[in-house]
Amino acid sequence: MAPSQRLVYDVHTGSTLVENFPENIQWVDGNYRFTDIRLDNLMDFIRKKYRVEVELDKAVNHGLLLTGTIRNDESMEAVIEKICFSSQLTYKKNGSHYLLMK
């Protein structure tokens, strides 16, 4: 495996898969660092990392560029709150489904 890859194991099928991080997300000292990543692409990464559903409202700028860090041990709630704070968004949570909106 390369530094920008992760191994995904499916407990139901017993299969493994090597996934590449998007090129603007790097693994550095136990953190995911991202630079100028589109909000919709960051949400795709978060869906995979936390195995939750994250939806962007139509009024949200899906192409908004973000730069920051997500600690590997950071909770989903903390990550969503950080993203919302820096993007001037709010969110609603229903079970494991998050909706980010203006």
N, C-alpha and C. Protein backbone atom coordinates (compact mmCIF):
# COMPACT_ATOMS: atom_id res chain seq x y z
N MET A 1 0.83 -1.18 0.00
CA MET A 1 0.00 0.00 0.00
C MET A 1 0.88 1.25 0.00
N ALA A 2 0.37 2.27 -0.64
CA ALA A 2 1.05 3.57 -0.67
C ALA A 2 0.50 4.46 0.45
N PRO A 3 1.20 5.52 0.81
CA PRO A 3 0.72 6.40 1.89
C PRO A 3 -0.66 6.99 1.65
N SER A 4 -1.08 7.16 0.42
CA SER A 4 -2.39 7.75 0.15
C SER A 4 -3.46 6.71 -0.15
N GLN A 5 -3.30 5.53 0.43
CA GLN A 5 -4.27 4.46 0.24
C GLN A 5 -4.74 3.93 1.59
N ARG A 6 -5.90 3.27 1.56
CA ARG A 6 -6.37 2.60 2.76
C ARG A 6 -6.94 1.25 2.36
N LEU A 7 -6.91 0.31 3.29
CA LEU A 7 -7.42 -1.03 3.07
C LEU A 7 -8.81 -1.11 3.69
N VAL A 8 -9.78 -1.54 2.89
CA VAL A 8 -11.17 -1.65 3.36
C VAL A 8 -11.52 -3.13 3.39
N TYR A 9 -11.98 -3.60 4.54
CA TYR A 9 -12.37 -4.99 4.72
C TYR A 9 -13.88 -5.07 4.90
N ASP A 10 -14.54 -5.90 4.11
CA ASP A 10 -15.98 -6.10 4.21
C ASP A 10 -16.23 -7.34 5.07
N VAL A 11 -16.79 -7.13 6.26
CA VAL A 11 -17.00 -8.24 7.20
C VAL A 11 -18.06 -9.21 6.70
N HIS A 12 -18.94 -8.75 5.83
CA HIS A 12 -20.01 -9.62 5.32
C HIS A 12 -19.52 -10.59 4.25
N THR A 13 -18.61 -10.12 3.40
CA THR A 13 -18.14 -10.96 2.31
C THR A 13 -16.73 -11.49 2.54
N GLY A 14 -16.01 -10.89 3.49
CA GLY A 14 -14.63 -11.29 3.73
C GLY A 14 -13.66 -10.77 2.70
N SER A 15 -14.12 -9.87 1.85
CA SER A 15 -13.25 -9.33 0.80
C SER A 15 -12.55 -8.06 1.28
N THR A 16 -11.43 -7.78 0.64
CA THR A 16 -10.69 -6.55 0.94
C THR A 16 -10.54 -5.75 -0.35
N LEU A 17 -10.38 -4.46 -0.17
CA LEU A 17 -10.25 -3.55 -1.30
C LEU A 17 -9.29 -2.44 -0.90
N VAL A 18 -8.39 -2.09 -1.79
CA VAL A 18 -7.50 -0.96 -1.56
C VAL A 18 -8.10 0.25 -2.26
N GLU A 19 -8.35 1.31 -1.46
CA GLU A 19 -8.92 2.54 -2.01
C GLU A 19 -7.88 3.65 -1.96
N ASN A 20 -7.87 4.47 -3.00
CA ASN A 20 -7.00 5.64 -3.03
C ASN A 20 -7.76 6.84 -2.47
N PHE A 21 -7.06 7.66 -1.69
CA PHE A 21 -7.64 8.92 -1.27
C PHE A 21 -7.66 9.84 -2.48
N PRO A 22 -8.59 10.77 -2.51
CA PRO A 22 -8.50 11.79 -3.57
C PRO A 22 -7.14 12.46 -3.50
N GLU A 23 -6.64 12.92 -4.64
CA GLU A 23 -5.26 13.43 -4.66
C GLU A 23 -5.04 14.66 -3.78
N ASN A 24 -6.11 15.37 -3.41
CA ASN A 24 -5.91 16.53 -2.54
C ASN A 24 -6.21 16.22 -1.07
N ILE A 25 -6.21 14.93 -0.70
CA ILE A 25 -6.27 14.50 0.70
C ILE A 25 -5.03 13.66 0.97
N GLN A 26 -4.26 14.07 1.98
CA GLN A 26 -3.06 13.33 2.34
C GLN A 26 -3.17 12.86 3.78
N TRP A 27 -2.51 11.75 4.06
CA TRP A 27 -2.41 11.20 5.41
C TRP A 27 -1.08 11.69 5.97
N VAL A 28 -1.12 12.57 6.99
CA VAL A 28 0.09 13.14 7.55
C VAL A 28 0.01 13.06 9.07
N ASP A 29 0.92 12.33 9.69
CA ASP A 29 1.02 12.24 11.15
C ASP A 29 -0.31 11.89 11.83
N GLY A 30 -1.03 10.93 11.29
CA GLY A 30 -2.28 10.49 11.91
C GLY A 30 -3.47 11.38 11.62
N ASN A 31 -3.34 12.28 10.66
CA ASN A 31 -4.42 13.18 10.29
C ASN A 31 -4.65 13.15 8.79
N TYR A 32 -5.88 13.43 8.39
CA TYR A 32 -6.19 13.63 6.98
C TYR A 32 -6.09 15.12 6.73
N ARG A 33 -5.21 15.51 5.83
CA ARG A 33 -5.07 16.92 5.47
C ARG A 33 -5.58 17.09 4.05
N PHE A 34 -6.43 18.08 3.88
CA PHE A 34 -6.99 18.33 2.56
C PHE A 34 -6.76 19.78 2.18
N THR A 35 -6.52 19.98 0.89
CA THR A 35 -6.22 21.31 0.36
C THR A 35 -7.09 21.56 -0.86
N ASP A 36 -7.85 22.65 -0.80
CA ASP A 36 -8.71 23.06 -1.91
C ASP A 36 -9.54 21.90 -2.46
N ILE A 37 -10.20 21.19 -1.56
CA ILE A 37 -11.07 20.09 -1.99
C ILE A 37 -12.51 20.62 -2.08
N ARG A 38 -13.19 20.23 -3.12
CA ARG A 38 -14.60 20.63 -3.28
C ARG A 38 -15.42 20.02 -2.15
N LEU A 39 -16.41 20.77 -1.69
CA LEU A 39 -17.26 20.32 -0.59
C LEU A 39 -17.91 18.99 -0.91
N ASP A 40 -18.42 18.81 -2.14
CA ASP A 40 -19.07 17.54 -2.48
C ASP A 40 -18.08 16.38 -2.47
N ASN A 41 -16.83 16.61 -2.87
CA ASN A 41 -15.81 15.54 -2.82
C ASN A 41 -15.42 15.22 -1.38
N LEU A 42 -15.36 16.24 -0.53
CA LEU A 42 -15.08 16.01 0.88
C LEU A 42 -16.20 15.19 1.52
N MET A 43 -17.44 15.46 1.14
CA MET A 43 -18.57 14.69 1.67
C MET A 43 -18.48 13.23 1.22
N ASP A 44 -18.03 12.98 0.01
CA ASP A 44 -17.83 11.59 -0.45
C ASP A 44 -16.80 10.89 0.43
N PHE A 45 -15.71 11.58 0.74
CA PHE A 45 -14.67 11.02 1.61
C PHE A 45 -15.25 10.72 3.00
N ILE A 46 -16.02 11.65 3.54
CA ILE A 46 -16.61 11.47 4.87
C ILE A 46 -17.60 10.31 4.89
N ARG A 47 -18.37 10.17 3.82
CA ARG A 47 -19.30 9.02 3.73
C ARG A 47 -18.55 7.70 3.87
N LYS A 48 -17.43 7.61 3.19
CA LYS A 48 -16.65 6.38 3.22
C LYS A 48 -15.96 6.18 4.56
N LYS A 49 -15.37 7.25 5.10
CA LYS A 49 -14.61 7.12 6.35
C LYS A 49 -15.52 6.77 7.51
N TYR A 50 -16.66 7.44 7.63
CA TYR A 50 -17.55 7.26 8.78
C TYR A 50 -18.73 6.33 8.50
N ARG A 51 -18.88 5.93 7.27
CA ARG A 51 -19.99 5.03 6.87
C ARG A 51 -21.34 5.60 7.29
N VAL A 52 -21.57 6.85 6.88
CA VAL A 52 -22.82 7.55 7.15
C VAL A 52 -23.31 8.17 5.85
N GLU A 53 -24.55 8.59 5.86
CA GLU A 53 -25.11 9.30 4.72
C GLU A 53 -25.00 10.79 4.99
N VAL A 54 -24.39 11.51 4.07
CA VAL A 54 -24.27 12.96 4.16
C VAL A 54 -24.81 13.53 2.86
N GLU A 55 -25.74 14.46 2.99
CA GLU A 55 -26.37 15.06 1.82
C GLU A 55 -26.18 16.57 1.88
N LEU A 56 -25.95 17.17 0.73
CA LEU A 56 -25.85 18.61 0.63
C LEU A 56 -27.15 19.14 0.04
N ASP A 57 -27.74 20.11 0.71
CA ASP A 57 -28.95 20.75 0.21
C ASP A 57 -28.66 21.41 -1.13
N LYS A 58 -29.68 21.57 -1.95
CA LYS A 58 -29.49 22.18 -3.27
C LYS A 58 -28.98 23.62 -3.19
N ALA A 59 -29.31 24.32 -2.10
CA ALA A 59 -28.89 25.72 -1.95
C ALA A 59 -27.42 25.86 -1.56
N VAL A 60 -26.79 24.76 -1.18
CA VAL A 60 -25.38 24.77 -0.77
C VAL A 60 -24.50 24.75 -2.02
N ASN A 61 -23.43 25.54 -2.00
CA ASN A 61 -22.47 25.56 -3.09
C ASN A 61 -21.63 24.29 -3.04
N HIS A 62 -21.94 23.33 -3.89
CA HIS A 62 -21.24 22.03 -3.89
C HIS A 62 -19.78 22.17 -4.30
N GLY A 63 -19.46 23.24 -5.02
CA GLY A 63 -18.10 23.44 -5.50
C GLY A 63 -17.24 24.28 -4.57
N LEU A 64 -17.75 24.61 -3.39
CA LEU A 64 -16.99 25.38 -2.40
C LEU A 64 -15.69 24.65 -2.08
N LEU A 65 -14.56 25.36 -2.10
CA LEU A 65 -13.26 24.75 -1.83
C LEU A 65 -12.90 24.91 -0.36
N LEU A 66 -12.47 23.81 0.26
CA LEU A 66 -12.10 23.81 1.68
C LEU A 66 -10.68 23.30 1.85
N THR A 67 -10.02 23.82 2.88
CA THR A 67 -8.69 23.37 3.27
C THR A 67 -8.72 23.16 4.77
N GLY A 68 -8.18 22.06 5.25
CA GLY A 68 -8.17 21.81 6.68
C GLY A 68 -7.62 20.46 7.04
N THR A 69 -7.91 20.04 8.27
CA THR A 69 -7.41 18.78 8.81
C THR A 69 -8.53 18.05 9.54
N ILE A 70 -8.59 16.74 9.38
CA ILE A 70 -9.48 15.88 10.15
C ILE A 70 -8.60 14.89 10.89
N ARG A 71 -8.66 14.92 12.22
CA ARG A 71 -7.90 13.94 12.99
C ARG A 71 -8.51 12.56 12.78
N ASN A 72 -7.70 11.54 12.75
CA ASN A 72 -8.19 10.18 12.55
C ASN A 72 -9.18 9.77 13.64
N ASP A 73 -8.98 10.26 14.87
CA ASP A 73 -9.85 9.88 15.99
C ASP A 73 -11.01 10.87 16.21
N GLU A 74 -11.19 11.82 15.30
CA GLU A 74 -12.22 12.84 15.45
C GLU A 74 -13.60 12.26 15.15
N SER A 75 -14.58 12.62 15.97
CA SER A 75 -15.93 12.10 15.78
C SER A 75 -16.60 12.73 14.56
N MET A 76 -17.60 12.02 14.05
CA MET A 76 -18.36 12.51 12.90
C MET A 76 -19.00 13.86 13.23
N GLU A 77 -19.59 13.96 14.41
CA GLU A 77 -20.25 15.21 14.83
C GLU A 77 -19.25 16.37 14.80
N ALA A 78 -18.06 16.16 15.33
CA ALA A 78 -17.05 17.22 15.38
C ALA A 78 -16.64 17.65 13.97
N VAL A 79 -16.50 16.69 13.07
CA VAL A 79 -16.11 17.00 11.69
C VAL A 79 -17.21 17.81 11.01
N ILE A 80 -18.45 17.37 11.14
CA ILE A 80 -19.57 18.09 10.51
C ILE A 80 -19.68 19.50 11.09
N GLU A 81 -19.53 19.64 12.39
CA GLU A 81 -19.61 20.95 13.01
C GLU A 81 -18.50 21.88 12.52
N LYS A 82 -17.29 21.34 12.36
CA LYS A 82 -16.17 22.12 11.83
C LYS A 82 -16.45 22.60 10.41
N ILE A 83 -16.93 21.69 9.59
CA ILE A 83 -17.22 22.02 8.20
C ILE A 83 -18.33 23.07 8.13
N CYS A 84 -19.37 22.90 8.92
CA CYS A 84 -20.47 23.85 8.93
C CYS A 84 -20.01 25.23 9.42
N PHE A 85 -19.20 25.26 10.46
CA PHE A 85 -18.71 26.53 10.99
C PHE A 85 -17.89 27.28 9.94
N SER A 86 -16.97 26.57 9.30
CA SER A 86 -16.08 27.23 8.34
C SER A 86 -16.78 27.58 7.03
N SER A 87 -17.91 26.94 6.75
CA SER A 87 -18.64 27.17 5.50
C SER A 87 -19.93 27.95 5.70
N GLN A 88 -20.18 28.38 6.92
CA GLN A 88 -21.40 29.10 7.28
C GLN A 88 -22.64 28.29 6.90
N LEU A 89 -22.63 27.01 7.28
CA LEU A 89 -23.75 26.11 7.03
C LEU A 89 -24.31 25.62 8.37
N THR A 90 -25.46 25.00 8.31
CA THR A 90 -26.04 24.31 9.45
C THR A 90 -26.31 22.88 9.02
N TYR A 91 -26.70 22.03 9.97
CA TYR A 91 -27.01 20.65 9.60
C TYR A 91 -28.13 20.11 10.46
N LYS A 92 -28.79 19.10 9.90
CA LYS A 92 -29.79 18.32 10.64
C LYS A 92 -29.32 16.88 10.62
N LYS A 93 -29.54 16.21 11.74
CA LYS A 93 -29.15 14.81 11.86
C LYS A 93 -30.40 13.98 12.11
N ASN A 94 -30.53 12.89 11.37
CA ASN A 94 -31.61 11.94 11.56
C ASN A 94 -31.00 10.55 11.53
N GLY A 95 -30.73 9.98 12.71
CA GLY A 95 -30.04 8.69 12.77
C GLY A 95 -28.62 8.86 12.27
N SER A 96 -28.25 8.11 11.23
CA SER A 96 -26.91 8.24 10.66
C SER A 96 -26.94 9.05 9.36
N HIS A 97 -27.97 9.85 9.18
CA HIS A 97 -28.11 10.70 7.98
C HIS A 97 -27.94 12.16 8.39
N TYR A 98 -27.05 12.85 7.67
CA TYR A 98 -26.80 14.27 7.91
C TYR A 98 -27.18 15.05 6.68
N LEU A 99 -27.87 16.18 6.88
CA LEU A 99 -28.20 17.09 5.79
C LEU A 99 -27.57 18.43 6.11
N LEU A 100 -26.65 18.87 5.24
CA LEU A 100 -26.02 20.17 5.39
C LEU A 100 -26.77 21.18 4.55
N MET A 101 -27.06 22.35 5.15
CA MET A 101 -27.86 23.36 4.45
C MET A 101 -27.42 24.75 4.84
N LYS A 102 -27.89 25.72 4.06
CA LYS A 102 -27.59 27.14 4.33
C LYS A 102 -28.44 27.63 5.47
